[in-house]
């Protein structure tokens, strides 16, 4: 009997990668992708452990799970940092800091 690809194994890997790539989107999008990947990995592991000789692609599930955990941690750190920055400086203070950085590094547009 030919072995089947484990359901959602590639999708779990992709969501794990996306959780790391999107962790800087205020942490929220990375958390969403990471949590979804972990839930899907848990279900895929249960399916695989029931009959491991029927499925292949478990390495994608393991890799995706590890990437999802890393993405969740990075997203949580970024989200906590963002919350602390908003609590400490407020929205006006952050806007002033951004404007000052734009002036300092010449990001105000091209001078022709």
Protein backbone atom coordinates (compact mmCIF):
# COMPACT_ATOMS: atom_id res chain seq x y z
CA UNK A 1 0.00 0.00 0.00
CA UNK A 2 1.27 3.43 -0.93
CA UNK A 3 1.75 5.96 1.87
CA UNK A 4 -0.42 9.08 1.84
CA UNK A 5 0.73 12.59 2.59
CA UNK A 6 -0.34 13.63 6.07
CA UNK A 7 -3.29 16.06 5.82
CA UNK A 8 -2.30 19.72 6.12
CA UNK A 9 1.41 18.94 6.63
CA UNK A 10 2.52 21.52 4.07
CA UNK A 11 0.00 24.08 5.33
CA UNK A 12 1.32 23.69 8.88
CA UNK A 13 4.83 24.40 7.63
CA UNK A 14 3.66 27.45 5.66
CA UNK A 15 1.73 28.83 8.66
CA UNK A 16 4.79 28.31 10.85
CA UNK A 17 6.91 30.31 8.42
CA UNK A 18 4.24 33.02 8.14
CA UNK A 19 4.06 33.32 11.91
CA UNK A 20 7.73 34.31 11.95
CA UNK A 21 7.49 36.59 8.91
CA UNK A 22 4.47 38.48 10.26
CA UNK A 23 5.57 38.81 13.87
CA UNK A 24 6.40 42.50 13.29
CA UNK A 25 2.82 43.33 12.31
CA UNK A 26 2.19 44.49 15.89
CA UNK A 27 2.45 40.82 16.90
CA UNK A 28 -1.18 40.00 16.24
CA UNK A 29 -0.98 38.41 12.79
CA UNK A 30 2.02 36.30 13.80
CA UNK A 31 0.15 35.07 16.87
CA UNK A 32 -2.84 34.08 14.76
CA UNK A 33 -0.75 32.11 12.24
CA UNK A 34 1.27 30.48 15.02
CA UNK A 35 -1.74 29.37 17.05
CA UNK A 36 -3.50 27.98 13.98
CA UNK A 37 -0.34 26.06 13.03
CA UNK A 38 -0.03 24.59 16.54
CA UNK A 39 -3.66 23.45 16.58
CA UNK A 40 -3.32 21.87 13.14
CA UNK A 41 -0.03 20.23 14.16
CA UNK A 42 -1.67 18.67 17.20
CA UNK A 43 -4.43 17.15 15.05
CA UNK A 44 -1.95 15.94 12.44
CA UNK A 45 0.20 14.33 15.14
CA UNK A 46 -2.83 12.45 16.49
CA UNK A 47 -3.63 11.15 13.00
CA UNK A 48 0.00 10.15 12.41
CA UNK A 49 0.43 8.43 15.78
CA UNK A 50 -2.68 6.34 15.23
CA UNK A 51 -1.19 4.71 12.11
CA UNK A 52 2.32 5.95 11.27
CA UNK A 53 2.85 3.40 8.52
CA UNK A 54 0.06 4.95 6.42
CA UNK A 55 1.40 8.52 6.28
CA UNK A 56 4.43 10.47 5.19
CA UNK A 57 5.21 14.16 5.68
CA UNK A 58 5.48 14.15 9.47
CA UNK A 59 8.76 16.06 9.21
CA UNK A 60 6.83 19.03 7.78
CA UNK A 61 4.53 18.89 10.79
CA UNK A 62 7.43 18.85 13.25
CA UNK A 63 9.22 21.69 11.47
CA UNK A 64 6.04 23.74 11.20
CA UNK A 65 5.35 23.25 14.89
CA UNK A 66 8.84 24.46 15.85
CA UNK A 67 8.54 27.48 13.54
CA UNK A 68 5.09 28.25 14.96
CA UNK A 69 6.45 28.22 18.51
CA UNK A 70 9.27 30.57 17.51
CA UNK A 71 6.78 32.83 15.71
CA UNK A 72 4.47 32.90 18.73
CA UNK A 73 7.31 33.85 21.06
CA UNK A 74 8.56 36.61 18.73
CA UNK A 75 5.02 37.90 18.17
CA UNK A 76 4.29 37.92 21.89
CA UNK A 77 7.49 39.87 22.60
CA UNK A 78 6.66 42.39 19.87
CA UNK A 79 3.05 42.72 21.06
CA UNK A 80 4.11 43.27 24.68
CA UNK A 81 6.68 45.84 23.57
CA UNK A 82 4.05 47.66 21.54
CA UNK A 83 1.61 47.70 24.45
CA UNK A 84 4.31 49.02 26.79
CA UNK A 85 5.29 51.72 24.28
CA UNK A 86 1.67 52.85 23.90
CA UNK A 87 1.16 52.83 27.68
CA UNK A 88 4.35 54.76 28.37
CA UNK A 89 4.43 57.29 25.52
CA UNK A 90 0.86 57.39 24.29
CA UNK A 91 -0.10 57.76 20.65
CA UNK A 92 0.96 61.41 20.51
CA UNK A 93 4.41 60.66 21.92
CA UNK A 94 4.97 57.86 19.43
CA UNK A 95 3.90 60.10 16.56
CA UNK A 96 6.30 62.82 17.73
CA UNK A 97 9.14 60.28 17.95
CA UNK A 98 8.35 59.06 14.44
CA UNK A 99 8.30 62.60 13.04
CA UNK A 100 11.61 63.39 14.76
CA UNK A 101 13.21 60.28 13.28
CA UNK A 102 11.89 61.18 9.84
CA UNK A 103 13.47 64.65 10.09
CA UNK A 104 16.71 63.27 11.51
CA UNK A 105 17.24 60.61 8.85
CA UNK A 106 15.90 62.61 5.93
CA UNK A 107 12.78 60.55 5.36
CA UNK A 108 10.65 63.63 4.76
CA UNK A 109 10.73 63.29 0.98
CA UNK A 110 13.01 64.25 -1.86
CA UNK A 111 14.37 67.78 -2.11
CA UNK A 112 14.43 68.90 -5.73
